[in-house]
Amino acid sequence: MTPHEFADLKAGLDQLKDSGFAGGAALATLVRTRGPVFRRPGTRMLVHGDGRVVRGLSAGCPEADIVERAREVIGAGQARLLRYDREHGYDALLELGCGGEMEVLLEPLEGPQDLRFADAAAQCLETRSDATLMTVFASQGRCMPRPRRLLWNRSLVLDELEDPRGADAVLSQGLSGAAGSGTRLDEVRIGESRVQVLVERLQAPLRLLLVGIGSTTLALAGLARGLGWSVQLVDHRDDTQPPLPAGASLLRSGAEQLERHLRFDLRTAVVVMTHNLERDLEYLRVLRRQPLLYLGAVGSRDRAEKMRHEICDSLTPLSAPAGLDIGSETPEEIALAIAAEIQGAVHGRGGGRLSAGAGPIH
């Protein structure tokens, strides 16, 4: 589940709580996949009792069937595992042109206690620190009446197992062999039983810092907000009042004050485009010392070469000219090229045509 999806899901869960859980709801979580499917384990969908959906599992999944089963789970008050394979509902996948197999956990949401994991995860992500969520949902291959979760963020911040020996076993396996930014399914022995655990690494939202105000900056800010990124623009002037996209913020700061105002991390991407070479270099000399996901600058190839020469010892390699080579000319097209390069950096991808490759697309 991406940070953007988590934010939408959390908003839906908050609304459910504010309504007093009127009409009931169920949470669908993709826990296992095999073959070609459209999403990865960890993807979630909130289903209200009236059939309304928050964050679908994607058009390629049997969502209509999941919604119907969600109503049954709401009525029964117990979790259930849905299997879509050759023996269980395989036709639902074939009809949608998928052909893969998947397993979905459906759990009823009846009160605030069922949302504790989401509240705890949100608190971790607000501090921009990664967390590991472990969902124990089956024992000996049979779905548990309610899943139990552990949340680790430098220490154990949520324990729903209420079994110290079991929690130690799940944590020991869940935190060993780093899951990276992905999700995996573990089987853990607790006494004489084997439990199935979905292990997920939750990451803070991608933060985009845009240095300089201009048409390309504003176009990129709007596009980034649509992707769910946190966006902050930086301008050295005190008299600017740009039309910021909803949710974006403005920091008035010169290069020399930047480190006092901001904390940088490996989920932060920065693009410098003040359209003044000396000012760009002032900011880049500060930014080169920071741990960043991505550092980019806009300009001609000659200008970019001067920048690289000046900050050749940058902790984060400078991408200049910033963006993928897709023939961009307008501010909107340039913004698209830069956003695509940053998205590639998030997943360690260099860009290119999907049709030219042979590996998995996710």
Protein backbone atom coordinates (compact mmCIF):
# COMPACT_ATOMS: atom_id res chain seq x y z
CA MET A 1 0.00 0.00 0.00
CA THR A 2 1.48 3.32 -1.06
CA PRO A 3 1.53 6.34 1.29
CA HIS A 4 -1.05 8.00 -0.98
CA GLU A 5 -3.39 5.02 -0.68
CA PHE A 6 -2.87 4.89 3.07
CA ALA A 7 -3.80 8.57 3.40
CA ASP A 8 -7.04 8.04 1.46
CA LEU A 9 -7.83 4.91 3.44
CA LYS A 10 -7.14 6.65 6.75
CA ALA A 11 -9.48 9.49 5.77
CA GLY A 12 -12.19 6.94 4.99
CA LEU A 13 -11.64 5.17 8.31
CA ASP A 14 -11.83 8.48 10.18
CA GLN A 15 -15.15 9.25 8.50
CA LEU A 16 -16.40 5.79 9.45
CA LYS A 17 -15.43 6.41 13.07
CA ASP A 18 -17.10 9.84 13.06
CA SER A 19 -20.32 8.24 11.80
CA GLY A 20 -20.35 5.83 14.73
CA PHE A 21 -19.75 2.95 12.29
CA ALA A 22 -23.24 3.47 10.88
CA GLY A 23 -24.14 0.77 8.37
CA GLY A 24 -21.02 -1.23 9.15
CA ALA A 25 -17.92 -1.69 7.03
CA ALA A 26 -15.29 -4.24 6.13
CA LEU A 27 -11.62 -3.92 5.24
CA ALA A 28 -10.32 -5.98 2.32
CA THR A 29 -6.57 -6.67 2.23
CA LEU A 30 -4.76 -8.47 -0.57
CA VAL A 31 -2.55 -10.96 1.28
CA ARG A 32 -1.32 -13.37 -1.40
CA THR A 33 -0.93 -13.33 -5.18
CA ARG A 34 0.34 -15.71 -7.82
CA GLY A 35 0.80 -15.09 -11.51
CA PRO A 36 -0.35 -11.94 -13.34
CA VAL A 37 -2.47 -9.72 -11.10
CA PHE A 38 -2.86 -5.96 -11.05
CA ARG A 39 -1.78 -5.20 -7.48
CA ARG A 40 0.63 -6.43 -4.84
CA PRO A 41 -0.07 -7.86 -1.38
CA GLY A 42 -0.78 -5.13 1.13
CA THR A 43 -3.24 -3.29 -1.12
CA ARG A 44 -6.42 -2.45 0.79
CA MET A 45 -10.01 -1.45 0.08
CA LEU A 46 -12.62 -0.15 2.51
CA VAL A 47 -16.14 -1.41 1.80
CA HIS A 48 -19.14 0.23 3.47
CA GLY A 49 -22.29 -1.70 4.24
CA ASP A 50 -24.14 0.13 1.47
CA GLY A 51 -21.52 -0.93 -1.09
CA ARG A 52 -19.52 2.30 -1.22
CA VAL A 53 -15.81 1.71 -1.74
CA VAL A 54 -12.70 3.66 -0.71
CA ARG A 55 -9.52 2.85 -2.69
CA GLY A 56 -10.49 -0.06 -4.90
CA LEU A 57 -8.15 -3.00 -5.35
CA SER A 58 -8.05 -1.97 -9.06
CA ALA A 59 -10.31 -2.60 -12.01
CA GLY A 60 -8.48 -5.84 -12.69
CA CYS A 61 -9.67 -7.52 -9.50
CA PRO A 62 -13.07 -9.08 -8.75
CA GLU A 63 -14.24 -6.07 -6.77
CA ALA A 64 -17.98 -6.67 -7.28
CA ASP A 65 -17.63 -10.13 -5.75
CA ILE A 66 -15.52 -8.77 -2.87
CA VAL A 67 -18.16 -6.14 -2.12
CA GLU A 68 -20.86 -8.82 -1.94
CA ARG A 69 -18.73 -10.97 0.36
CA ALA A 70 -17.98 -7.90 2.48
CA ARG A 71 -21.68 -7.52 3.24
CA GLU A 72 -21.71 -11.12 4.46
CA VAL A 73 -18.69 -10.50 6.67
CA ILE A 74 -20.30 -7.37 8.13
CA GLY A 75 -23.39 -9.38 8.97
CA ALA A 76 -21.48 -12.32 10.48
CA GLY A 77 -19.01 -10.17 12.41
CA GLN A 78 -16.09 -12.48 11.60
CA ALA A 79 -13.17 -12.25 9.24
CA ARG A 80 -13.00 -14.42 6.14
CA LEU A 81 -10.42 -15.37 3.53
CA LEU A 82 -11.48 -15.19 -0.11
CA ARG A 83 -9.53 -17.27 -2.57
CA TYR A 84 -9.69 -16.57 -6.27
CA ASP A 85 -7.98 -19.48 -7.97
CA ARG A 86 -8.92 -22.50 -10.09
CA GLU A 87 -10.99 -23.96 -7.28
CA HIS A 88 -12.41 -20.77 -5.79
CA GLY A 89 -13.91 -18.01 -7.93
CA TYR A 90 -11.36 -18.35 -10.72
CA ASP A 91 -13.96 -17.26 -13.28
CA ALA A 92 -14.13 -13.83 -11.67
CA LEU A 93 -10.49 -13.26 -12.59
CA LEU A 94 -10.71 -14.75 -16.06
CA GLU A 95 -13.69 -12.57 -16.96
CA LEU A 96 -11.61 -9.49 -16.22
CA GLY A 97 -8.66 -10.67 -18.29
CA CYS A 98 -6.29 -11.18 -15.37
CA GLY A 99 -5.66 -14.91 -15.17
CA GLY A 100 -3.65 -14.78 -11.94
CA GLU A 101 -4.60 -16.02 -8.50
CA MET A 102 -5.14 -14.06 -5.33
CA GLU A 103 -6.22 -14.30 -1.71
CA VAL A 104 -8.08 -11.50 0.07
CA LEU A 105 -8.61 -11.04 3.81
CA LEU A 106 -11.99 -9.51 4.69
CA GLU A 107 -12.46 -8.27 8.23
CA PRO A 108 -15.42 -6.47 9.80
CA LEU A 109 -14.92 -3.02 11.29
CA GLU A 110 -17.29 -2.55 14.22
CA GLY A 111 -15.64 -0.10 16.58
CA PRO A 112 -12.59 2.07 17.33
CA GLN A 113 -10.64 -0.98 18.53
CA ASP A 114 -10.62 -2.27 14.94
CA LEU A 115 -8.88 0.90 13.75
CA ARG A 116 -6.08 1.03 16.30
CA PHE A 117 -3.50 -0.18 13.80
CA ALA A 118 -4.35 2.59 11.32
CA ASP A 119 -4.21 5.27 14.01
CA ALA A 120 -0.86 4.01 15.29
CA ALA A 121 0.57 3.77 11.76
CA ALA A 122 -0.55 7.31 10.97
CA GLN A 123 1.22 8.63 14.06
CA CYS A 124 4.45 6.93 12.97
CA LEU A 125 4.25 8.31 9.45
CA GLU A 126 3.55 11.84 10.71
CA THR A 127 7.04 11.79 12.22
CA ARG A 128 8.41 10.64 8.81
CA SER A 129 9.76 7.43 10.29
CA ASP A 130 9.28 4.06 8.64
CA ALA A 131 7.35 1.34 10.46
CA THR A 132 6.76 -2.38 10.05
CA LEU A 133 3.18 -3.67 10.27
CA MET A 134 2.65 -7.37 10.90
CA THR A 135 -0.88 -8.76 10.46
CA VAL A 136 -1.50 -12.24 11.88
CA PHE A 137 -4.58 -13.43 10.02
CA ALA A 138 -4.58 -17.24 9.84
CA SER A 139 -3.55 -20.21 11.97
CA GLN A 140 -2.92 -23.66 10.55
CA GLY A 141 -4.24 -22.36 7.23
CA ARG A 142 -7.61 -21.29 8.68
CA CYS A 143 -8.68 -17.67 8.91
CA MET A 144 -8.81 -16.27 12.43
CA PRO A 145 -12.10 -14.65 13.57
CA ARG A 146 -10.24 -11.33 13.80
CA PRO A 147 -6.71 -10.54 12.60
CA ARG A 148 -4.22 -9.40 15.22
CA ARG A 149 -1.53 -6.85 14.48
CA LEU A 150 1.88 -5.78 15.69
CA LEU A 151 3.42 -2.44 14.75
CA TRP A 152 7.13 -1.80 15.14
CA ASN A 153 8.67 1.68 14.97
CA ARG A 154 12.08 1.45 16.69
CA SER A 155 10.09 -0.29 19.43
CA LEU A 156 6.80 -2.15 19.72
CA VAL A 157 4.08 0.52 19.55
CA LEU A 158 1.06 -1.76 19.06
CA ASP A 159 0.55 -5.34 20.25
CA GLU A 160 -2.83 -6.96 19.66
CA LEU A 161 -1.60 -10.55 20.15
CA GLU A 162 -1.62 -10.34 23.96
CA ASP A 163 0.78 -13.28 23.90
CA PRO A 164 4.41 -12.33 24.70
CA ARG A 165 5.83 -15.56 23.31
CA GLY A 166 3.80 -15.22 20.12
CA ALA A 167 4.70 -11.56 19.73
CA ASP A 168 8.41 -12.36 20.13
CA ALA A 169 8.22 -15.05 17.46
CA VAL A 170 6.37 -12.85 14.97
CA LEU A 171 8.68 -9.89 15.59
CA SER A 172 11.82 -11.99 15.36
CA GLN A 173 10.89 -13.31 11.93
CA GLY A 174 9.11 -10.19 10.71
CA LEU A 175 12.02 -7.86 11.43
CA SER A 176 14.72 -10.21 10.17
CA GLY A 177 15.58 -10.30 6.48
CA ALA A 178 14.52 -6.74 5.67
CA ALA A 179 11.33 -6.60 3.65
CA GLY A 180 12.67 -3.49 1.92
CA SER A 181 9.90 -1.28 0.64
CA GLY A 182 7.77 -4.28 -0.28
CA THR A 183 5.51 -6.79 1.42
CA ARG A 184 5.88 -10.47 2.12
CA LEU A 185 3.93 -13.34 3.63
CA ASP A 186 5.58 -15.18 6.53
CA GLU A 187 4.69 -18.41 8.27
CA VAL A 188 5.68 -18.33 11.93
CA ARG A 189 5.67 -21.18 14.44
CA ILE A 190 4.11 -20.33 17.81
CA GLY A 191 4.18 -23.37 20.05
CA GLU A 192 2.46 -26.18 18.17
CA SER A 193 0.76 -23.84 15.71
CA ARG A 194 1.86 -22.13 12.52
CA VAL A 195 0.40 -18.71 11.82
CA GLN A 196 0.37 -16.73 8.58
CA VAL A 197 1.61 -13.14 8.87
CA LEU A 198 1.50 -10.33 6.31
CA VAL A 199 4.64 -8.22 6.85
CA GLU A 200 4.58 -4.69 5.43
CA ARG A 201 7.04 -1.83 5.55
CA LEU A 202 5.16 1.46 5.84
CA GLN A 203 6.99 4.48 4.46
CA ALA A 204 6.45 8.19 4.95
CA PRO A 205 4.88 10.11 2.04
CA LEU A 206 7.30 11.28 -0.60
CA ARG A 207 8.16 14.93 0.06
CA LEU A 208 8.93 17.18 -2.89
CA LEU A 209 10.83 20.39 -2.24
CA LEU A 210 10.75 22.86 -5.14
CA VAL A 211 13.29 25.69 -4.96
CA GLY A 212 12.21 28.67 -7.06
CA ILE A 213 8.83 29.94 -8.26
CA GLY A 214 7.81 29.76 -11.89
CA SER A 215 5.38 28.17 -14.32
CA THR A 216 7.23 24.84 -14.32
CA THR A 217 7.47 24.82 -10.52
CA LEU A 218 3.74 25.38 -10.15
CA ALA A 219 2.90 22.78 -12.80
CA LEU A 220 5.12 20.23 -11.04
CA ALA A 221 3.62 21.12 -7.65
CA GLY A 222 0.10 20.50 -8.96
CA LEU A 223 1.07 17.19 -10.56
CA ALA A 224 2.88 16.04 -7.42
CA ARG A 225 -0.10 16.83 -5.21
CA GLY A 226 -2.26 14.73 -7.51
CA LEU A 227 0.17 11.86 -6.89
CA GLY A 228 -0.24 12.27 -3.15
CA TRP A 229 3.21 13.72 -2.54
CA SER A 230 3.85 16.29 0.16
CA VAL A 231 4.86 19.51 -1.63
CA GLN A 232 6.70 22.58 -0.35
CA LEU A 233 7.92 25.46 -2.47
CA VAL A 234 10.90 27.58 -1.43
CA ASP A 235 11.47 31.18 -2.52
CA HIS A 236 14.09 33.65 -1.33
CA ARG A 237 11.82 36.66 -1.86
CA ASP A 238 9.37 38.07 0.68
CA ASP A 239 7.02 39.71 -1.82
CA THR A 240 5.89 36.67 -3.83
CA GLN A 241 2.37 35.28 -3.53
CA PRO A 242 2.14 32.39 -5.99
CA PRO A 243 -1.13 30.50 -6.59
CA LEU A 244 -0.25 27.32 -4.74
CA PRO A 245 -2.04 24.03 -5.44
CA ALA A 246 -4.28 22.80 -2.64
CA GLY A 247 -2.22 21.17 0.08
CA ALA A 248 1.11 22.73 -0.97
CA SER A 249 2.99 25.13 1.29
CA LEU A 250 5.46 27.98 0.79
CA LEU A 251 8.69 28.54 2.71
CA ARG A 252 10.47 31.88 2.34
CA SER A 253 14.11 31.08 2.82
CA GLY A 254 17.46 31.83 1.29
CA ALA A 255 20.03 29.08 0.90
CA GLU A 256 21.84 29.99 4.11
CA GLN A 257 18.71 29.46 6.25
CA LEU A 258 17.52 26.27 4.54
CA GLU A 259 19.05 23.81 7.01
CA ARG A 260 17.49 25.67 9.94
CA HIS A 261 13.98 25.37 8.47
CA LEU A 262 13.99 21.86 7.05
CA ARG A 263 14.95 18.31 7.98
CA PHE A 264 15.98 16.15 5.03
CA ASP A 265 15.67 12.39 4.59
CA LEU A 266 15.76 9.64 1.98
CA ARG A 267 12.05 10.17 1.19
CA THR A 268 12.72 13.77 0.10
CA ALA A 269 13.18 14.84 -3.52
CA VAL A 270 14.44 18.33 -4.34
CA VAL A 271 14.33 20.20 -7.64
CA VAL A 272 16.15 23.52 -7.97
CA MET A 273 14.98 26.00 -10.61
CA THR A 274 15.37 29.63 -9.55
CA HIS A 275 16.40 30.52 -13.15
CA ASN A 276 19.50 32.23 -11.75
CA LEU A 277 22.67 30.15 -11.97
CA GLU A 278 24.45 31.69 -8.98
CA ARG A 279 21.37 31.37 -6.80
CA ASP A 280 20.84 27.78 -7.94
CA LEU A 281 24.42 27.04 -6.93
CA GLU A 282 23.91 28.64 -3.51
CA TYR A 283 21.04 26.25 -2.80
CA LEU A 284 22.84 23.26 -4.32
CA ARG A 285 25.91 23.82 -2.13
CA VAL A 286 23.67 23.39 0.90
CA LEU A 287 21.65 20.52 -0.57
CA ARG A 288 24.70 18.51 -1.60
CA ARG A 289 25.35 17.76 2.08
CA GLN A 290 21.87 16.34 2.69
CA PRO A 291 20.64 12.72 2.49
CA LEU A 292 18.05 12.81 -0.31
CA LEU A 293 16.14 10.44 -2.55
CA TYR A 294 16.63 12.71 -5.55
CA LEU A 295 18.35 16.00 -6.33
CA GLY A 296 17.57 17.68 -9.64
CA ALA A 297 18.08 21.02 -11.35
CA VAL A 298 16.52 22.53 -14.46
CA GLY A 299 18.57 24.16 -17.19
CA SER A 300 20.47 23.71 -20.43
CA ARG A 301 23.21 21.10 -20.76
CA ASP A 302 25.91 23.79 -20.52
CA ARG A 303 24.32 25.15 -17.35
CA ALA A 304 23.93 21.63 -15.95
CA GLU A 305 27.63 20.90 -16.58
CA LYS A 306 28.62 23.98 -14.58
CA MET A 307 26.39 22.85 -11.72
CA ARG A 308 27.86 19.34 -11.68
CA HIS A 309 31.39 20.76 -11.72
CA GLU A 310 30.61 22.98 -8.71
CA ILE A 311 29.00 20.22 -6.58
CA CYS A 312 30.86 17.15 -7.81
CA ASP A 313 31.06 15.83 -4.23
CA SER A 314 27.28 15.83 -3.71
CA LEU A 315 25.98 13.14 -1.34
CA THR A 316 23.09 12.62 -3.78
CA PRO A 317 24.02 12.57 -7.49
CA LEU A 318 22.70 15.63 -9.30
CA SER A 319 20.18 14.97 -12.07
CA ALA A 320 20.63 17.87 -14.45
CA PRO A 321 18.91 18.60 -16.71
CA ALA A 322 16.18 17.08 -14.55
CA GLY A 323 13.60 14.79 -16.10
CA LEU A 324 13.23 11.92 -18.54
CA ASP A 325 13.85 12.47 -22.24
CA ILE A 326 10.28 12.49 -23.57
CA GLY A 327 10.51 15.58 -25.77
CA SER A 328 9.05 18.01 -23.22
CA GLU A 329 8.72 21.70 -24.11
CA THR A 330 5.86 23.28 -22.17
CA PRO A 331 5.95 23.74 -18.37
CA GLU A 332 3.36 20.97 -17.99
CA GLU A 333 5.37 18.57 -20.16
CA ILE A 334 8.60 19.36 -18.31
CA ALA A 335 6.78 18.78 -15.01
CA LEU A 336 5.64 15.38 -16.26
CA ALA A 337 9.19 14.43 -17.28
CA ILE A 338 10.60 15.42 -13.87
CA ALA A 339 7.83 13.71 -11.89
CA ALA A 340 8.39 10.52 -13.90
CA GLU A 341 12.13 10.56 -13.14
CA ILE A 342 11.44 11.04 -9.43
CA GLN A 343 8.88 8.21 -9.46
CA GLY A 344 11.51 6.01 -11.05
CA ALA A 345 13.96 6.94 -8.29
CA VAL A 346 11.41 5.86 -5.68
CA HIS A 347 11.37 2.33 -7.10
CA GLY A 348 14.91 2.17 -8.44
CA ARG A 349 13.75 2.26 -12.06
CA GLY A 350 15.41 4.18 -14.86
CA GLY A 351 12.38 4.65 -17.12
CA GLY A 352 11.78 3.19 -20.55
CA ARG A 353 8.96 1.54 -22.47
CA LEU A 354 7.20 -1.29 -20.68
CA SER A 355 6.62 -2.92 -24.06
CA ALA A 356 10.39 -3.21 -24.55
CA GLY A 357 10.94 -5.26 -21.40
CA ALA A 358 10.22 -8.84 -20.42
CA GLY A 359 10.18 -8.68 -16.62
CA PRO A 360 7.32 -7.95 -14.21
CA ILE A 361 5.72 -4.53 -14.56
CA HIS A 362 5.24 -3.97 -10.81
